[in-house]
Amino acid sequence: MTVNEVDVKSTIAEVMGARISVTGPARGMYLVTGRGASLESLVKNAGGEVVLRLNGGIMLATLTFPGYLSLKGNYQISRIGPVTVDLKRLAKLSEMLAKANIPKTGGAG
C-alpha cells in the first residue's frame, strides 16, 4: 500500500473476501469548512497545513489523501473537497494586486 492508497473497511467486502483500496493524490489542496474553533488544529492533526484562512470556519489547506479522508468523516467538518488552482490566472491576479494602489487600513485619517 502506497502513502496515497487507503483501504476502505466494508462489511460486505469482508464477507466476500474482497479488499477495497482507494487511491488519491499524494498531497492535494482542499477547501475546508467547519464548525467550532478547533478547525485549524483538526487540519494540523490530520497532517495538513493551512494555506489560506478565508473567514471564520473556511480555509484552504494542503493534506495527504489519508488526512483528507480522516477529516471527511469528522463531525466538526461541514464540507471538505479538492480544489484545483489555475496557476496562470493566479499569477495574473497576483500581478494585478501588486500593481494596485491599495490603501492601508488601521491608521488615523
N, C-alpha and C. Protein backbone atom coordinates (compact mmCIF):
# COMPACT_ATOMS: atom_id res chain seq x y z
N MET A 1 0.85 -1.18 0.00
CA MET A 1 0.00 0.00 0.00
C MET A 1 0.89 1.24 0.00
N THR A 2 0.66 2.17 -0.94
CA THR A 2 1.43 3.40 -1.01
C THR A 2 0.83 4.44 -0.06
N VAL A 3 1.53 5.56 0.12
CA VAL A 3 1.09 6.60 1.04
C VAL A 3 -0.29 7.15 0.67
N ASN A 4 -0.56 7.26 -0.61
CA ASN A 4 -1.83 7.84 -1.04
C ASN A 4 -2.90 6.78 -1.33
N GLU A 5 -2.68 5.57 -0.89
CA GLU A 5 -3.66 4.50 -1.06
C GLU A 5 -4.26 4.17 0.30
N VAL A 6 -5.56 4.08 0.37
CA VAL A 6 -6.25 3.82 1.62
C VAL A 6 -7.15 2.61 1.46
N ASP A 7 -7.09 1.70 2.43
CA ASP A 7 -8.00 0.56 2.43
C ASP A 7 -9.32 1.00 3.06
N VAL A 8 -10.41 0.66 2.40
CA VAL A 8 -11.74 1.01 2.88
C VAL A 8 -12.33 -0.20 3.58
N LYS A 9 -12.79 -0.01 4.81
CA LYS A 9 -13.42 -1.10 5.56
C LYS A 9 -14.87 -1.23 5.14
N SER A 10 -15.28 -2.45 4.86
CA SER A 10 -16.65 -2.71 4.45
C SER A 10 -17.04 -4.11 4.90
N THR A 11 -18.18 -4.20 5.55
CA THR A 11 -18.68 -5.50 6.00
C THR A 11 -18.92 -6.42 4.81
N ILE A 12 -19.51 -5.89 3.76
CA ILE A 12 -19.80 -6.69 2.56
C ILE A 12 -18.50 -7.20 1.95
N ALA A 13 -17.48 -6.32 1.86
CA ALA A 13 -16.20 -6.74 1.30
C ALA A 13 -15.58 -7.85 2.14
N GLU A 14 -15.66 -7.73 3.46
CA GLU A 14 -15.09 -8.75 4.35
C GLU A 14 -15.79 -10.09 4.15
N VAL A 15 -17.12 -10.07 4.05
CA VAL A 15 -17.88 -11.30 3.86
C VAL A 15 -17.51 -11.97 2.55
N MET A 16 -17.26 -11.17 1.53
CA MET A 16 -16.93 -11.71 0.23
C MET A 16 -15.43 -11.95 0.05
N GLY A 17 -14.64 -11.61 1.07
CA GLY A 17 -13.20 -11.81 0.98
C GLY A 17 -12.51 -10.83 0.04
N ALA A 18 -13.11 -9.67 -0.14
CA ALA A 18 -12.55 -8.66 -1.06
C ALA A 18 -11.81 -7.58 -0.28
N ARG A 19 -10.95 -6.88 -1.00
CA ARG A 19 -10.22 -5.75 -0.43
C ARG A 19 -10.52 -4.54 -1.31
N ILE A 20 -10.94 -3.44 -0.69
CA ILE A 20 -11.24 -2.23 -1.43
C ILE A 20 -10.16 -1.20 -1.11
N SER A 21 -9.49 -0.71 -2.14
CA SER A 21 -8.46 0.32 -1.98
C SER A 21 -8.84 1.52 -2.81
N VAL A 22 -8.65 2.70 -2.22
CA VAL A 22 -8.91 3.95 -2.91
C VAL A 22 -7.60 4.72 -2.98
N THR A 23 -7.25 5.19 -4.16
CA THR A 23 -6.01 5.93 -4.34
C THR A 23 -6.32 7.37 -4.71
N GLY A 24 -5.62 8.29 -4.07
CA GLY A 24 -5.78 9.71 -4.36
C GLY A 24 -4.42 10.34 -4.52
N PRO A 25 -4.39 11.65 -4.69
CA PRO A 25 -3.09 12.32 -4.85
C PRO A 25 -2.28 12.22 -3.56
N ALA A 26 -0.95 12.16 -3.69
CA ALA A 26 -0.09 12.09 -2.51
C ALA A 26 -0.37 13.26 -1.58
N ARG A 27 -0.51 14.44 -2.15
CA ARG A 27 -0.85 15.64 -1.38
C ARG A 27 -1.70 16.52 -2.28
N GLY A 28 -2.75 17.11 -1.72
CA GLY A 28 -3.63 17.95 -2.51
C GLY A 28 -4.09 19.15 -1.72
N MET A 29 -4.75 20.08 -2.42
CA MET A 29 -5.31 21.26 -1.77
C MET A 29 -6.81 21.06 -1.63
N TYR A 30 -7.33 21.41 -0.45
CA TYR A 30 -8.74 21.20 -0.16
C TYR A 30 -9.36 22.44 0.47
N LEU A 31 -10.61 22.69 0.11
CA LEU A 31 -11.39 23.73 0.76
C LEU A 31 -12.07 23.06 1.95
N VAL A 32 -11.84 23.61 3.13
CA VAL A 32 -12.36 23.01 4.36
C VAL A 32 -13.30 24.00 5.03
N THR A 33 -14.51 23.57 5.31
CA THR A 33 -15.49 24.37 6.04
C THR A 33 -15.86 23.59 7.29
N GLY A 34 -15.79 24.27 8.44
CA GLY A 34 -16.04 23.53 9.67
C GLY A 34 -16.86 24.28 10.69
N ARG A 35 -17.20 23.55 11.73
CA ARG A 35 -17.94 24.08 12.87
C ARG A 35 -17.00 24.10 14.06
N GLY A 36 -16.98 25.18 14.79
CA GLY A 36 -16.16 25.21 16.00
C GLY A 36 -14.83 25.89 15.79
N ALA A 37 -14.17 26.18 16.90
CA ALA A 37 -12.93 26.96 16.87
C ALA A 37 -11.70 26.12 16.57
N SER A 38 -11.80 24.81 16.63
CA SER A 38 -10.61 23.97 16.51
C SER A 38 -10.36 23.46 15.09
N LEU A 39 -10.90 24.12 14.09
CA LEU A 39 -10.76 23.66 12.70
C LEU A 39 -9.30 23.57 12.29
N GLU A 40 -8.52 24.59 12.59
CA GLU A 40 -7.11 24.58 12.21
C GLU A 40 -6.35 23.44 12.89
N SER A 41 -6.64 23.18 14.15
CA SER A 41 -5.96 22.08 14.84
C SER A 41 -6.38 20.72 14.27
N LEU A 42 -7.62 20.60 13.80
CA LEU A 42 -8.05 19.36 13.16
C LEU A 42 -7.24 19.11 11.89
N VAL A 43 -7.05 20.18 11.10
CA VAL A 43 -6.29 20.07 9.86
C VAL A 43 -4.84 19.68 10.18
N LYS A 44 -4.24 20.34 11.16
CA LYS A 44 -2.84 20.05 11.53
C LYS A 44 -2.70 18.63 12.07
N ASN A 45 -3.66 18.19 12.88
CA ASN A 45 -3.60 16.83 13.44
C ASN A 45 -3.76 15.76 12.36
N ALA A 46 -4.37 16.13 11.24
CA ALA A 46 -4.52 15.20 10.12
C ALA A 46 -3.31 15.26 9.19
N GLY A 47 -2.27 15.98 9.61
CA GLY A 47 -1.05 16.07 8.79
C GLY A 47 -1.10 17.17 7.75
N GLY A 48 -2.07 18.08 7.89
CA GLY A 48 -2.25 19.13 6.91
C GLY A 48 -1.60 20.44 7.31
N GLU A 49 -1.66 21.37 6.37
CA GLU A 49 -1.12 22.70 6.59
C GLU A 49 -2.12 23.71 6.05
N VAL A 50 -2.44 24.71 6.85
CA VAL A 50 -3.36 25.75 6.41
C VAL A 50 -2.61 26.68 5.46
N VAL A 51 -3.16 26.87 4.26
CA VAL A 51 -2.54 27.71 3.25
C VAL A 51 -3.15 29.11 3.30
N LEU A 52 -4.47 29.18 3.50
CA LEU A 52 -5.18 30.46 3.49
C LEU A 52 -6.41 30.36 4.37
N ARG A 53 -6.55 31.30 5.30
CA ARG A 53 -7.76 31.40 6.11
C ARG A 53 -8.67 32.41 5.43
N LEU A 54 -9.86 31.98 5.03
CA LEU A 54 -10.76 32.88 4.31
C LEU A 54 -11.62 33.68 5.28
N ASN A 55 -12.38 33.03 6.11
CA ASN A 55 -13.10 33.70 7.20
C ASN A 55 -13.69 32.63 8.10
N GLY A 56 -13.86 32.97 9.36
CA GLY A 56 -14.47 32.05 10.30
C GLY A 56 -14.02 30.62 10.12
N GLY A 57 -14.91 29.78 9.71
CA GLY A 57 -14.62 28.36 9.59
C GLY A 57 -14.34 27.90 8.18
N ILE A 58 -13.74 28.77 7.35
CA ILE A 58 -13.44 28.39 5.96
C ILE A 58 -11.95 28.60 5.71
N MET A 59 -11.29 27.58 5.16
CA MET A 59 -9.87 27.70 4.86
C MET A 59 -9.47 26.79 3.71
N LEU A 60 -8.34 27.14 3.10
CA LEU A 60 -7.69 26.27 2.12
C LEU A 60 -6.56 25.58 2.85
N ALA A 61 -6.43 24.29 2.64
CA ALA A 61 -5.38 23.53 3.32
C ALA A 61 -4.81 22.48 2.38
N THR A 62 -3.55 22.15 2.60
CA THR A 62 -2.96 21.02 1.88
C THR A 62 -2.98 19.83 2.83
N LEU A 63 -3.33 18.68 2.29
CA LEU A 63 -3.46 17.46 3.09
C LEU A 63 -3.00 16.25 2.28
N THR A 64 -2.57 15.23 2.97
CA THR A 64 -2.35 13.95 2.31
C THR A 64 -3.73 13.36 2.04
N PHE A 65 -3.79 12.39 1.17
CA PHE A 65 -5.08 11.76 0.86
C PHE A 65 -5.70 11.08 2.09
N PRO A 66 -4.91 10.31 2.86
CA PRO A 66 -5.49 9.73 4.09
C PRO A 66 -5.96 10.81 5.08
N GLY A 67 -5.24 11.93 5.14
CA GLY A 67 -5.65 13.03 6.02
C GLY A 67 -6.98 13.61 5.57
N TYR A 68 -7.14 13.78 4.27
CA TYR A 68 -8.41 14.26 3.70
C TYR A 68 -9.55 13.32 4.08
N LEU A 69 -9.33 12.02 3.91
CA LEU A 69 -10.39 11.05 4.23
C LEU A 69 -10.72 11.05 5.71
N SER A 70 -9.72 11.24 6.57
CA SER A 70 -9.99 11.25 8.01
C SER A 70 -10.83 12.46 8.40
N LEU A 71 -10.59 13.60 7.76
CA LEU A 71 -11.39 14.79 8.06
C LEU A 71 -12.78 14.71 7.45
N LYS A 72 -12.89 14.03 6.33
CA LYS A 72 -14.18 13.90 5.65
C LYS A 72 -15.23 13.27 6.55
N GLY A 73 -14.81 12.40 7.44
CA GLY A 73 -15.75 11.74 8.33
C GLY A 73 -15.89 12.41 9.69
N ASN A 74 -15.23 13.55 9.90
CA ASN A 74 -15.26 14.22 11.19
C ASN A 74 -16.52 15.07 11.32
N TYR A 75 -17.21 14.98 12.44
CA TYR A 75 -18.47 15.70 12.62
C TYR A 75 -18.27 17.22 12.68
N GLN A 76 -17.05 17.69 12.98
CA GLN A 76 -16.80 19.13 13.05
C GLN A 76 -16.53 19.74 11.67
N ILE A 77 -16.39 18.89 10.66
CA ILE A 77 -16.17 19.37 9.30
C ILE A 77 -17.50 19.37 8.56
N SER A 78 -17.94 20.57 8.14
CA SER A 78 -19.20 20.68 7.39
C SER A 78 -19.02 20.16 5.97
N ARG A 79 -17.94 20.64 5.34
CA ARG A 79 -17.64 20.23 3.97
C ARG A 79 -16.14 20.25 3.77
N ILE A 80 -15.68 19.33 2.95
CA ILE A 80 -14.27 19.31 2.55
C ILE A 80 -14.21 18.73 1.15
N GLY A 81 -13.45 19.38 0.28
CA GLY A 81 -13.36 18.89 -1.08
C GLY A 81 -12.13 19.42 -1.77
N PRO A 82 -11.69 18.72 -2.81
CA PRO A 82 -10.48 19.12 -3.53
C PRO A 82 -10.66 20.43 -4.30
N VAL A 83 -9.57 21.17 -4.40
CA VAL A 83 -9.55 22.44 -5.12
C VAL A 83 -8.45 22.37 -6.17
N THR A 84 -8.74 22.84 -7.37
CA THR A 84 -7.74 22.94 -8.41
C THR A 84 -7.44 24.42 -8.64
N VAL A 85 -6.17 24.77 -8.63
CA VAL A 85 -5.75 26.16 -8.81
C VAL A 85 -5.23 26.34 -10.23
N ASP A 86 -5.80 27.32 -10.92
CA ASP A 86 -5.32 27.69 -12.25
C ASP A 86 -4.15 28.64 -12.06
N LEU A 87 -2.93 28.15 -12.23
CA LEU A 87 -1.73 28.93 -11.92
C LEU A 87 -1.58 30.16 -12.81
N LYS A 88 -2.02 30.09 -14.06
CA LYS A 88 -1.94 31.26 -14.93
C LYS A 88 -2.84 32.38 -14.43
N ARG A 89 -4.06 32.03 -14.05
CA ARG A 89 -4.99 33.04 -13.55
C ARG A 89 -4.53 33.60 -12.21
N LEU A 90 -3.96 32.73 -11.37
CA LEU A 90 -3.45 33.16 -10.08
C LEU A 90 -2.29 34.13 -10.26
N ALA A 91 -1.40 33.86 -11.20
CA ALA A 91 -0.27 34.75 -11.47
C ALA A 91 -0.77 36.10 -11.97
N LYS A 92 -1.80 36.09 -12.83
CA LYS A 92 -2.38 37.32 -13.35
C LYS A 92 -3.00 38.14 -12.22
N LEU A 93 -3.73 37.49 -11.35
CA LEU A 93 -4.35 38.16 -10.21
C LEU A 93 -3.29 38.74 -9.29
N SER A 94 -2.26 37.98 -9.03
CA SER A 94 -1.17 38.43 -8.17
C SER A 94 -0.50 39.66 -8.76
N GLU A 95 -0.29 39.66 -10.06
CA GLU A 95 0.32 40.80 -10.76
C GLU A 95 -0.58 42.03 -10.65
N MET A 96 -1.88 41.84 -10.85
CA MET A 96 -2.82 42.95 -10.76
C MET A 96 -2.84 43.54 -9.35
N LEU A 97 -2.83 42.68 -8.35
CA LEU A 97 -2.85 43.16 -6.96
C LEU A 97 -1.56 43.89 -6.61
N ALA A 98 -0.45 43.42 -7.13
CA ALA A 98 0.83 44.07 -6.86
C ALA A 98 0.87 45.47 -7.45
N LYS A 99 0.23 45.67 -8.59
CA LYS A 99 0.20 46.98 -9.25
C LYS A 99 -0.85 47.91 -8.67
N ALA A 100 -1.85 47.35 -8.02
CA ALA A 100 -2.96 48.16 -7.49
C ALA A 100 -2.48 49.03 -6.34
N ASN A 101 -3.08 50.21 -6.25
CA ASN A 101 -2.78 51.10 -5.14
C ASN A 101 -3.82 50.86 -4.06
N ILE A 102 -3.51 49.94 -3.16
CA ILE A 102 -4.46 49.54 -2.13
C ILE A 102 -4.20 50.38 -0.89
N PRO A 103 -5.21 51.14 -0.41
CA PRO A 103 -4.99 51.97 0.78
C PRO A 103 -4.77 51.10 2.01
N LYS A 104 -3.90 51.58 2.90
CA LYS A 104 -3.61 50.85 4.13
C LYS A 104 -4.70 51.18 5.14
N THR A 105 -5.09 50.16 5.90
CA THR A 105 -6.13 50.35 6.91
C THR A 105 -5.49 50.37 8.29
N GLY A 106 -6.26 50.83 9.24
CA GLY A 106 -5.79 50.80 10.64
C GLY A 106 -5.17 52.10 11.09
N GLY A 107 -4.85 53.01 10.18
CA GLY A 107 -4.26 54.28 10.55
C GLY A 107 -5.31 55.35 10.66
N ALA A 108 -4.98 56.41 11.37
CA ALA A 108 -5.91 57.52 11.51
C ALA A 108 -5.84 58.40 10.26
N GLY A 109 -6.98 58.91 9.90
CA GLY A 109 -7.12 59.88 8.93
C GLY A 109 -6.83 59.89 7.57
